[in-house]
């Protein structure tokens, strides 16, 4: 069972510097209500696209959702590898 050690209000609050300082090697994130808005499935939250690009360029990111939901959110499986 996974238990969080850190809690953030918004995924974009998780900075690359924070990940490096805490020796975090990668992220496992959920699409619904984490990368997308609560009431508009498929719509990325403000700033998520830029945040995701920065983090993916430096750390492995795995998104825990179905491929169809990735596409609905504008995220391809290839982009998260």
N, C-alpha and C. Protein backbone atom coordinates (compact mmCIF):
# COMPACT_ATOMS: atom_id res chain seq x y z
N UNK A 1 0.84 -1.17 0.00
CA UNK A 1 0.00 0.00 0.00
C UNK A 1 0.89 1.25 0.00
N UNK A 2 0.56 2.18 -0.87
CA UNK A 2 1.32 3.43 -0.95
C UNK A 2 0.75 4.44 0.03
N UNK A 3 1.61 5.09 0.77
CA UNK A 3 1.19 6.14 1.70
C UNK A 3 2.00 7.40 1.41
N UNK A 4 1.32 8.53 1.26
CA UNK A 4 2.05 9.76 0.94
C UNK A 4 2.89 10.25 2.12
N UNK A 5 4.07 10.75 1.80
CA UNK A 5 4.92 11.37 2.81
C UNK A 5 4.79 12.88 2.76
N UNK A 6 4.32 13.40 1.62
CA UNK A 6 4.16 14.83 1.41
C UNK A 6 2.79 15.07 0.79
N UNK A 7 2.17 16.19 1.13
CA UNK A 7 0.87 16.54 0.58
C UNK A 7 0.94 17.96 0.04
N UNK A 8 0.43 18.15 -1.18
CA UNK A 8 0.43 19.46 -1.84
C UNK A 8 -0.99 19.80 -2.27
N UNK A 9 -1.31 21.08 -2.31
CA UNK A 9 -2.62 21.52 -2.77
C UNK A 9 -2.78 21.34 -4.27
N UNK A 10 -1.69 21.51 -5.00
CA UNK A 10 -1.73 21.43 -6.46
C UNK A 10 -0.49 20.70 -6.94
N UNK A 11 -0.63 19.87 -7.95
CA UNK A 11 0.51 19.10 -8.47
C UNK A 11 1.64 20.01 -8.92
N UNK A 12 1.29 21.21 -9.42
CA UNK A 12 2.33 22.13 -9.89
C UNK A 12 3.15 22.72 -8.75
N UNK A 13 2.72 22.50 -7.50
CA UNK A 13 3.51 22.93 -6.34
C UNK A 13 4.69 22.01 -6.09
N UNK A 14 4.69 20.85 -6.73
CA UNK A 14 5.79 19.90 -6.60
C UNK A 14 6.88 20.33 -7.59
N UNK A 15 7.88 21.00 -7.08
CA UNK A 15 8.93 21.53 -7.95
C UNK A 15 10.04 20.50 -8.19
N UNK A 16 10.75 20.70 -9.27
CA UNK A 16 11.90 19.86 -9.56
C UNK A 16 12.92 19.97 -8.43
N UNK A 17 13.09 21.15 -7.90
CA UNK A 17 14.03 21.36 -6.79
C UNK A 17 13.61 20.54 -5.57
N UNK A 18 12.28 20.51 -5.28
CA UNK A 18 11.78 19.72 -4.16
C UNK A 18 12.09 18.24 -4.38
N UNK A 19 11.85 17.75 -5.59
CA UNK A 19 12.11 16.34 -5.89
C UNK A 19 13.59 16.00 -5.71
N UNK A 20 14.44 16.87 -6.21
CA UNK A 20 15.88 16.64 -6.09
C UNK A 20 16.34 16.71 -4.64
N UNK A 21 15.86 17.71 -3.90
CA UNK A 21 16.25 17.89 -2.49
C UNK A 21 15.86 16.67 -1.65
N UNK A 22 14.73 16.05 -1.98
CA UNK A 22 14.23 14.91 -1.21
C UNK A 22 14.57 13.57 -1.85
N UNK A 23 15.49 13.58 -2.81
CA UNK A 23 15.97 12.36 -3.48
C UNK A 23 14.83 11.52 -4.07
N UNK A 24 13.81 12.20 -4.60
CA UNK A 24 12.69 11.52 -5.23
C UNK A 24 13.05 11.27 -6.68
N UNK A 25 13.02 10.01 -7.08
CA UNK A 25 13.51 9.62 -8.40
C UNK A 25 12.46 9.66 -9.49
N UNK A 26 11.19 9.67 -9.14
CA UNK A 26 10.12 9.68 -10.13
C UNK A 26 8.78 9.91 -9.47
N UNK A 27 7.74 10.06 -10.29
CA UNK A 27 6.41 10.32 -9.77
C UNK A 27 5.39 9.36 -10.37
N UNK A 28 4.42 9.00 -9.57
CA UNK A 28 3.24 8.27 -10.01
C UNK A 28 2.07 9.18 -9.72
N UNK A 29 1.39 9.64 -10.77
CA UNK A 29 0.28 10.59 -10.58
C UNK A 29 -0.99 10.06 -11.23
N UNK A 30 -2.10 10.51 -10.72
CA UNK A 30 -3.41 10.17 -11.23
C UNK A 30 -3.89 11.29 -12.14
N UNK A 31 -4.60 10.98 -13.20
CA UNK A 31 -5.10 12.01 -14.10
C UNK A 31 -6.24 12.79 -13.46
N UNK A 32 -7.29 12.08 -13.02
CA UNK A 32 -8.48 12.73 -12.49
C UNK A 32 -8.19 13.52 -11.22
N UNK A 33 -8.52 14.79 -11.25
CA UNK A 33 -8.37 15.72 -10.13
C UNK A 33 -6.93 15.99 -9.72
N UNK A 34 -5.98 15.43 -10.43
CA UNK A 34 -4.58 15.73 -10.18
C UNK A 34 -4.02 16.52 -11.35
N UNK A 35 -4.14 15.97 -12.55
CA UNK A 35 -3.70 16.67 -13.75
C UNK A 35 -4.84 17.42 -14.42
N UNK A 36 -6.06 16.94 -14.21
CA UNK A 36 -7.22 17.58 -14.83
C UNK A 36 -8.09 18.23 -13.77
N UNK A 37 -8.99 19.08 -14.22
CA UNK A 37 -9.90 19.75 -13.30
C UNK A 37 -10.97 18.77 -12.83
N UNK A 38 -11.57 19.05 -11.69
CA UNK A 38 -12.53 18.14 -11.09
C UNK A 38 -13.80 17.97 -11.92
N UNK A 39 -14.27 19.05 -12.54
CA UNK A 39 -15.54 18.98 -13.23
C UNK A 39 -15.43 18.98 -14.75
N UNK A 40 -14.22 19.05 -15.25
CA UNK A 40 -14.04 19.08 -16.71
C UNK A 40 -13.02 18.03 -17.11
N UNK A 41 -13.42 16.78 -17.07
CA UNK A 41 -12.53 15.69 -17.43
C UNK A 41 -11.92 15.94 -18.80
N UNK A 42 -10.64 15.79 -18.89
CA UNK A 42 -9.95 16.01 -20.14
C UNK A 42 -9.35 17.40 -20.26
N UNK A 43 -9.63 18.27 -19.31
CA UNK A 43 -9.07 19.62 -19.34
C UNK A 43 -7.96 19.70 -18.30
N UNK A 44 -6.74 19.92 -18.78
CA UNK A 44 -5.61 20.03 -17.86
C UNK A 44 -5.76 21.26 -16.98
N UNK A 45 -5.39 21.14 -15.70
CA UNK A 45 -5.38 22.29 -14.81
C UNK A 45 -4.37 23.31 -15.31
N UNK A 46 -4.58 24.55 -14.95
CA UNK A 46 -3.68 25.63 -15.35
C UNK A 46 -2.25 25.33 -14.90
N UNK A 47 -1.33 25.42 -15.84
CA UNK A 47 0.08 25.22 -15.54
C UNK A 47 0.57 23.79 -15.57
N UNK A 48 -0.35 22.82 -15.66
CA UNK A 48 0.05 21.41 -15.63
C UNK A 48 0.88 21.02 -16.84
N UNK A 49 0.53 21.54 -18.01
CA UNK A 49 1.27 21.16 -19.21
C UNK A 49 2.74 21.57 -19.11
N UNK A 50 3.01 22.79 -18.68
CA UNK A 50 4.40 23.25 -18.53
C UNK A 50 5.10 22.50 -17.40
N UNK A 51 4.39 22.26 -16.30
CA UNK A 51 4.96 21.54 -15.16
C UNK A 51 5.34 20.13 -15.59
N UNK A 52 4.43 19.45 -16.31
CA UNK A 52 4.67 18.08 -16.74
C UNK A 52 5.88 18.00 -17.66
N UNK A 53 6.00 18.94 -18.57
CA UNK A 53 7.16 18.97 -19.48
C UNK A 53 8.47 19.12 -18.70
N UNK A 54 8.49 20.02 -17.72
CA UNK A 54 9.71 20.24 -16.93
C UNK A 54 10.07 19.00 -16.13
N UNK A 55 9.09 18.41 -15.48
CA UNK A 55 9.37 17.23 -14.65
C UNK A 55 9.79 16.05 -15.52
N UNK A 56 9.06 15.81 -16.63
CA UNK A 56 9.39 14.68 -17.51
C UNK A 56 10.79 14.80 -18.11
N UNK A 57 11.27 16.00 -18.28
CA UNK A 57 12.60 16.20 -18.85
C UNK A 57 13.69 15.79 -17.86
N UNK A 58 13.32 15.65 -16.58
CA UNK A 58 14.31 15.37 -15.55
C UNK A 58 14.04 14.13 -14.69
N UNK A 59 12.80 13.67 -14.65
CA UNK A 59 12.42 12.54 -13.80
C UNK A 59 11.43 11.65 -14.53
N UNK A 60 11.40 10.35 -14.22
CA UNK A 60 10.37 9.49 -14.78
C UNK A 60 9.00 9.85 -14.18
N UNK A 61 7.98 9.89 -15.03
CA UNK A 61 6.62 10.18 -14.58
C UNK A 61 5.71 9.08 -15.12
N UNK A 62 4.97 8.44 -14.23
CA UNK A 62 3.98 7.44 -14.62
C UNK A 62 2.61 7.98 -14.25
N UNK A 63 1.66 7.88 -15.19
CA UNK A 63 0.31 8.36 -14.96
C UNK A 63 -0.60 7.16 -14.79
N UNK A 64 -1.31 7.10 -13.68
CA UNK A 64 -2.15 5.96 -13.33
C UNK A 64 -3.57 6.16 -13.84
N UNK A 65 -3.79 5.86 -15.09
CA UNK A 65 -5.11 5.93 -15.70
C UNK A 65 -5.11 5.12 -16.99
N UNK A 66 -6.25 4.96 -17.59
CA UNK A 66 -6.39 4.24 -18.85
C UNK A 66 -5.89 5.10 -20.00
N UNK A 67 -5.42 4.48 -21.06
CA UNK A 67 -4.90 5.20 -22.23
C UNK A 67 -5.95 6.13 -22.81
N UNK A 68 -7.20 5.74 -22.81
CA UNK A 68 -8.27 6.60 -23.34
C UNK A 68 -8.35 7.90 -22.54
N UNK A 69 -8.21 7.80 -21.24
CA UNK A 69 -8.28 8.99 -20.40
C UNK A 69 -7.04 9.86 -20.59
N UNK A 70 -5.88 9.27 -20.89
CA UNK A 70 -4.69 10.07 -21.21
C UNK A 70 -5.01 10.95 -22.41
N UNK A 71 -5.54 10.32 -23.45
CA UNK A 71 -5.83 11.06 -24.67
C UNK A 71 -6.85 12.16 -24.41
N UNK A 72 -7.86 11.88 -23.60
CA UNK A 72 -8.87 12.88 -23.29
C UNK A 72 -8.26 14.08 -22.57
N UNK A 73 -7.21 13.85 -21.82
CA UNK A 73 -6.54 14.92 -21.09
C UNK A 73 -5.44 15.57 -21.91
N UNK A 74 -5.26 15.12 -23.14
CA UNK A 74 -4.23 15.69 -23.99
C UNK A 74 -2.84 15.16 -23.68
N UNK A 75 -2.77 14.01 -23.02
CA UNK A 75 -1.49 13.41 -22.63
C UNK A 75 -1.37 12.07 -23.34
N UNK A 76 -0.37 11.90 -24.17
CA UNK A 76 -0.20 10.61 -24.83
C UNK A 76 0.66 9.71 -23.95
N UNK A 77 0.47 8.41 -24.11
CA UNK A 77 1.29 7.45 -23.35
C UNK A 77 2.76 7.64 -23.68
N UNK A 78 3.06 7.99 -24.92
CA UNK A 78 4.44 8.21 -25.34
C UNK A 78 5.07 9.37 -24.56
N UNK A 79 4.27 10.41 -24.28
CA UNK A 79 4.78 11.58 -23.57
C UNK A 79 5.16 11.28 -22.13
N UNK A 80 4.51 10.30 -21.51
CA UNK A 80 4.79 10.04 -20.10
C UNK A 80 5.89 9.02 -19.88
N UNK A 81 6.38 8.38 -20.93
CA UNK A 81 7.45 7.40 -20.77
C UNK A 81 8.78 8.08 -20.49
